[in-house]
Amino acid sequence: MALPALERLRKLDTTIAEICAISGAPGLSYGVLYEGQVLHTGNYGLSDIENQVPSTSDTVYYIGSLIKAFTTAAMGILVEDGRLTWNTLVHNVMGEDFHFSDAVLTQEMSIRDFLSHRMGLQRSNQMCQTILEAFLDVKKPNNYMKYAQESAAVHLAKFPAMRASLEAKRIPHTQCKKLDAYLGRYYKKIRDFFIEITINDQSNSLQLALQGLESQIWAMKHYHITTVFSG
């Protein structure tokens, strides 16, 4: 006999907590709404690690994937205004700034593909899929615990190679340049990610912002005997 939806969601507590631990997420809160009513909520980990404050349903998080709904609504307005169609190719709108290492994706992806998540890219939101499959009582649910473990292992394995690459590029006994010399945006080779280097006016030191976001600013140090930055 199938378990009621609410009981299925409650049984996810251990799984969600373990995925948080595997992925390194300090805290998580979620809610399931049905026909305008809050059916279930779950809170895990901490909203403030330094002060050990637990996450609650009132914890304020970054907007994250909720921006996808706003993006889709904005695209709908443009379609209604006749400025593009759902089948418009993304690269025709974004130009050279839009590209993947896979040329087929770059050239053939449409607005519809992009918003429907059917581009063939790796799915990374195991948590949402776990909750959704439990709520819908999917008969053959995916093993998202396994996916989380595999994903974590792949990413952790990259760090030794990254460190070795940085060490290989060290140039000893160099002198610091003026801070202005380091300012600017530094892109990955395929230009799908960048960091922006700026000066912190209060400390008169360098800082980097992932994708130029003010919410992702990190202080940097420059060692006098090397050209390698360390955050």
Protein backbone atom coordinates (compact mmCIF):
# COMPACT_ATOMS: atom_id res chain seq x y z
CA MET A 1 0.00 0.00 0.00
CA ALA A 2 1.41 3.39 -1.01
CA LEU A 3 2.35 5.80 1.75
CA PRO A 4 0.49 9.13 1.93
CA ALA A 5 2.40 12.04 0.41
CA LEU A 6 3.05 13.69 3.77
CA GLU A 7 4.59 10.53 5.21
CA ARG A 8 6.75 10.06 2.12
CA LEU A 9 8.08 13.60 2.53
CA ARG A 10 8.84 13.05 6.23
CA LYS A 11 10.79 9.91 5.37
CA LEU A 12 13.17 12.05 3.31
CA ASP A 13 14.67 13.74 6.39
CA THR A 14 17.71 11.46 6.62
CA THR A 15 18.31 11.50 2.85
CA ILE A 16 18.18 15.30 2.63
CA ALA A 17 20.46 15.72 5.65
CA GLU A 18 23.00 13.32 4.12
CA ILE A 19 22.93 15.07 0.72
CA CYS A 20 23.53 18.38 2.53
CA ALA A 21 26.53 16.85 4.29
CA ILE A 22 27.92 15.34 1.06
CA SER A 23 27.52 18.54 -0.95
CA GLY A 24 28.80 20.82 1.80
CA ALA A 25 25.57 22.81 2.06
CA PRO A 26 25.57 24.52 5.50
CA GLY A 27 21.79 24.78 5.63
CA LEU A 28 18.60 24.18 3.70
CA SER A 29 14.91 24.98 4.05
CA TYR A 30 12.11 23.87 1.78
CA GLY A 31 8.35 23.85 1.63
CA VAL A 32 5.77 21.89 -0.34
CA LEU A 33 2.58 23.79 -1.23
CA TYR A 34 -0.54 22.15 -2.60
CA GLU A 35 -3.63 24.06 -3.73
CA GLY A 36 -2.51 27.14 -1.83
CA GLN A 37 -1.83 25.32 1.44
CA VAL A 38 1.54 24.55 3.05
CA LEU A 39 1.62 20.77 3.08
CA HIS A 40 5.08 20.22 4.55
CA THR A 41 8.24 22.11 5.52
CA GLY A 42 11.75 20.95 6.29
CA ASN A 43 14.74 22.76 7.77
CA TYR A 44 18.29 21.42 7.99
CA GLY A 45 21.67 22.66 9.16
CA LEU A 46 22.58 26.23 10.03
CA SER A 47 21.68 29.66 8.72
CA ASP A 48 24.69 31.16 10.54
CA ILE A 49 27.68 28.87 10.99
CA GLU A 50 29.73 31.27 13.10
CA ASN A 51 26.95 31.76 15.66
CA GLN A 52 25.47 28.26 15.24
CA VAL A 53 21.98 29.54 14.35
CA PRO A 54 19.73 26.75 13.00
CA SER A 55 17.89 27.15 9.71
CA THR A 56 14.16 27.80 9.98
CA SER A 57 11.28 28.46 7.61
CA ASP A 58 11.94 32.18 8.20
CA THR A 59 15.60 32.00 7.14
CA VAL A 60 16.38 34.37 4.26
CA TYR A 61 18.27 32.66 1.43
CA TYR A 62 19.67 33.93 -1.85
CA ILE A 63 17.06 33.85 -4.60
CA GLY A 64 18.85 31.00 -6.40
CA SER A 65 16.77 29.06 -8.91
CA LEU A 66 13.64 31.12 -8.25
CA ILE A 67 15.07 33.50 -10.83
CA LYS A 68 14.17 30.86 -13.45
CA ALA A 69 10.47 31.67 -13.04
CA PHE A 70 11.17 35.38 -13.51
CA THR A 71 13.29 34.64 -16.57
CA THR A 72 10.55 32.53 -18.14
CA ALA A 73 7.93 35.22 -17.44
CA ALA A 74 10.20 37.85 -19.03
CA MET A 75 10.70 35.65 -22.10
CA GLY A 76 6.92 35.22 -22.34
CA ILE A 77 6.49 39.00 -22.47
CA LEU A 78 9.05 39.26 -25.27
CA VAL A 79 7.31 36.48 -27.21
CA GLU A 80 3.93 38.17 -26.74
CA ASP A 81 5.44 41.45 -27.98
CA GLY A 82 6.78 39.68 -31.07
CA ARG A 83 10.41 40.46 -30.29
CA LEU A 84 11.38 36.75 -30.34
CA THR A 85 9.77 33.32 -30.47
CA TRP A 86 10.12 30.26 -28.28
CA ASN A 87 12.20 28.74 -31.09
CA THR A 88 14.61 31.67 -31.39
CA LEU A 89 18.20 30.43 -31.10
CA VAL A 90 19.91 31.67 -27.95
CA HIS A 91 23.19 32.53 -29.70
CA ASN A 92 21.26 34.84 -32.07
CA VAL A 93 20.22 36.86 -29.02
CA MET A 94 23.38 36.73 -26.92
CA GLY A 95 25.98 36.62 -29.68
CA GLU A 96 29.55 35.58 -28.92
CA ASP A 97 28.99 35.72 -25.15
CA PHE A 98 26.93 32.52 -25.41
CA HIS A 99 28.92 29.38 -26.11
CA PHE A 100 29.61 25.91 -24.74
CA SER A 101 32.53 23.60 -25.37
CA ASP A 102 29.99 21.60 -27.44
CA ALA A 103 29.47 23.46 -30.72
CA VAL A 104 26.11 21.76 -31.37
CA LEU A 105 24.70 23.12 -28.10
CA THR A 106 26.02 26.56 -28.91
CA GLN A 107 24.51 26.67 -32.39
CA GLU A 108 21.24 24.77 -31.93
CA MET A 109 19.92 25.65 -28.47
CA SER A 110 16.62 27.55 -28.59
CA ILE A 111 14.86 29.65 -25.98
CA ARG A 112 12.41 26.73 -25.55
CA ASP A 113 15.28 24.27 -24.98
CA PHE A 114 16.94 26.60 -22.50
CA LEU A 115 13.82 27.14 -20.39
CA SER A 116 12.74 23.49 -20.55
CA HIS A 117 16.08 22.17 -19.22
CA ARG A 118 16.41 19.80 -22.14
CA MET A 119 19.88 20.82 -23.27
CA GLY A 120 21.53 17.59 -22.18
CA LEU A 121 23.55 19.32 -19.47
CA GLN A 122 24.21 17.64 -16.15
CA ARG A 123 21.43 18.08 -13.61
CA SER A 124 22.79 19.33 -10.31
CA ASN A 125 19.73 19.97 -8.15
CA GLN A 126 19.41 16.56 -6.52
CA MET A 127 17.50 17.96 -3.56
CA CYS A 128 14.55 19.35 -5.50
CA GLN A 129 14.27 16.23 -7.62
CA THR A 130 14.34 14.01 -4.51
CA ILE A 131 11.47 15.95 -2.91
CA LEU A 132 9.46 16.10 -6.14
CA GLU A 133 9.77 12.37 -6.84
CA ALA A 134 8.70 11.55 -3.26
CA PHE A 135 5.70 13.87 -3.49
CA LEU A 136 4.62 12.41 -6.84
CA ASP A 137 5.28 8.86 -5.61
CA VAL A 138 7.52 8.01 -8.58
CA LYS A 139 7.67 4.22 -8.79
CA LYS A 140 11.32 4.08 -9.86
CA PRO A 141 12.95 7.09 -8.20
CA ASN A 142 16.49 8.10 -9.08
CA ASN A 143 19.24 7.46 -6.57
CA TYR A 144 20.15 11.09 -5.92
CA MET A 145 22.26 10.14 -2.93
CA LYS A 146 24.52 8.22 -5.30
CA TYR A 147 24.57 11.14 -7.76
CA ALA A 148 25.54 13.55 -4.96
CA GLN A 149 28.38 11.27 -3.85
CA GLU A 150 29.66 10.88 -7.42
CA SER A 151 29.45 14.62 -8.08
CA ALA A 152 31.30 15.45 -4.85
CA ALA A 153 34.04 12.92 -5.65
CA VAL A 154 34.54 14.36 -9.15
CA HIS A 155 34.84 17.93 -7.88
CA LEU A 156 37.13 17.04 -4.98
CA ALA A 157 39.41 15.18 -7.37
CA LYS A 158 39.98 18.41 -9.31
CA PHE A 159 41.67 20.25 -6.44
CA PRO A 160 45.03 18.39 -6.42
CA ALA A 161 45.43 19.02 -10.17
CA MET A 162 44.43 22.65 -9.72
CA ARG A 163 46.96 23.12 -6.92
CA ALA A 164 49.68 21.41 -8.98
CA SER A 165 48.89 23.66 -11.95
CA LEU A 166 49.18 26.79 -9.81
CA GLU A 167 52.42 25.58 -8.23
CA ALA A 168 53.87 24.92 -11.69
CA LYS A 169 53.16 28.51 -12.69
CA ARG A 170 54.86 30.10 -9.69
CA ILE A 171 57.61 32.55 -10.54
CA PRO A 172 59.72 33.00 -7.40
CA HIS A 173 61.39 36.19 -6.24
CA THR A 174 59.06 38.55 -8.09
CA GLN A 175 57.98 41.90 -6.72
CA CYS A 176 54.42 43.09 -6.29
CA LYS A 177 53.06 45.35 -8.99
CA LYS A 178 50.84 48.29 -8.19
CA LEU A 179 47.36 47.05 -7.33
CA ASP A 180 45.87 48.77 -10.38
CA ALA A 181 47.82 46.38 -12.60
CA TYR A 182 45.69 43.44 -11.46
CA LEU A 183 42.26 45.00 -11.90
CA GLY A 184 39.81 43.67 -14.46
CA ARG A 185 37.85 40.60 -15.44
CA TYR A 186 39.54 37.22 -15.93
CA TYR A 187 37.59 34.69 -18.02
CA LYS A 188 37.83 30.94 -18.45
CA LYS A 189 39.07 29.88 -21.84
CA ILE A 190 35.52 29.23 -23.11
CA ARG A 191 34.30 32.47 -21.46
CA ASP A 192 31.41 30.91 -19.53
CA PHE A 193 32.75 32.10 -16.15
CA PHE A 194 34.81 35.02 -14.89
CA ILE A 195 36.20 36.61 -11.75
CA GLU A 196 36.45 40.36 -11.35
CA ILE A 197 39.39 41.85 -9.45
CA THR A 198 38.78 45.14 -7.67
CA ILE A 199 40.31 47.13 -4.81
CA ASN A 200 38.74 47.17 -1.36
CA ASP A 201 38.81 50.87 -0.48
CA GLN A 202 38.74 50.23 3.28
CA SER A 203 41.70 47.88 3.44
CA ASN A 204 43.41 49.07 0.24
CA SER A 205 43.83 45.46 -0.83
CA LEU A 206 42.65 43.32 -3.71
CA GLN A 207 39.41 41.36 -3.71
CA LEU A 208 37.74 39.08 -6.22
CA ALA A 209 34.07 38.73 -7.07
CA LEU A 210 32.81 35.52 -8.67
CA GLN A 211 30.92 36.53 -11.82
CA GLY A 212 31.25 40.12 -10.58
CA LEU A 213 28.57 39.56 -7.92
CA GLU A 214 28.65 41.73 -4.80
CA SER A 215 27.36 38.76 -2.82
CA GLN A 216 30.41 36.69 -3.84
CA ILE A 217 33.31 38.97 -2.91
CA TRP A 218 36.43 37.45 -1.33
CA ALA A 219 39.56 39.12 0.02
CA MET A 220 42.86 38.29 -1.71
CA LYS A 221 46.51 38.30 -0.68
CA HIS A 222 49.57 38.71 -2.83
CA TYR A 223 52.80 37.13 -1.63
CA HIS A 224 55.96 39.08 -2.33
CA ILE A 225 57.88 36.05 -3.54
CA THR A 226 55.35 34.74 -6.01
CA THR A 227 52.97 35.83 -8.74
CA VAL A 228 50.24 33.47 -7.53
CA PHE A 229 47.20 34.88 -5.82
CA SER A 230 45.76 33.18 -2.75
CA GLY A 231 42.24 33.79 -1.51
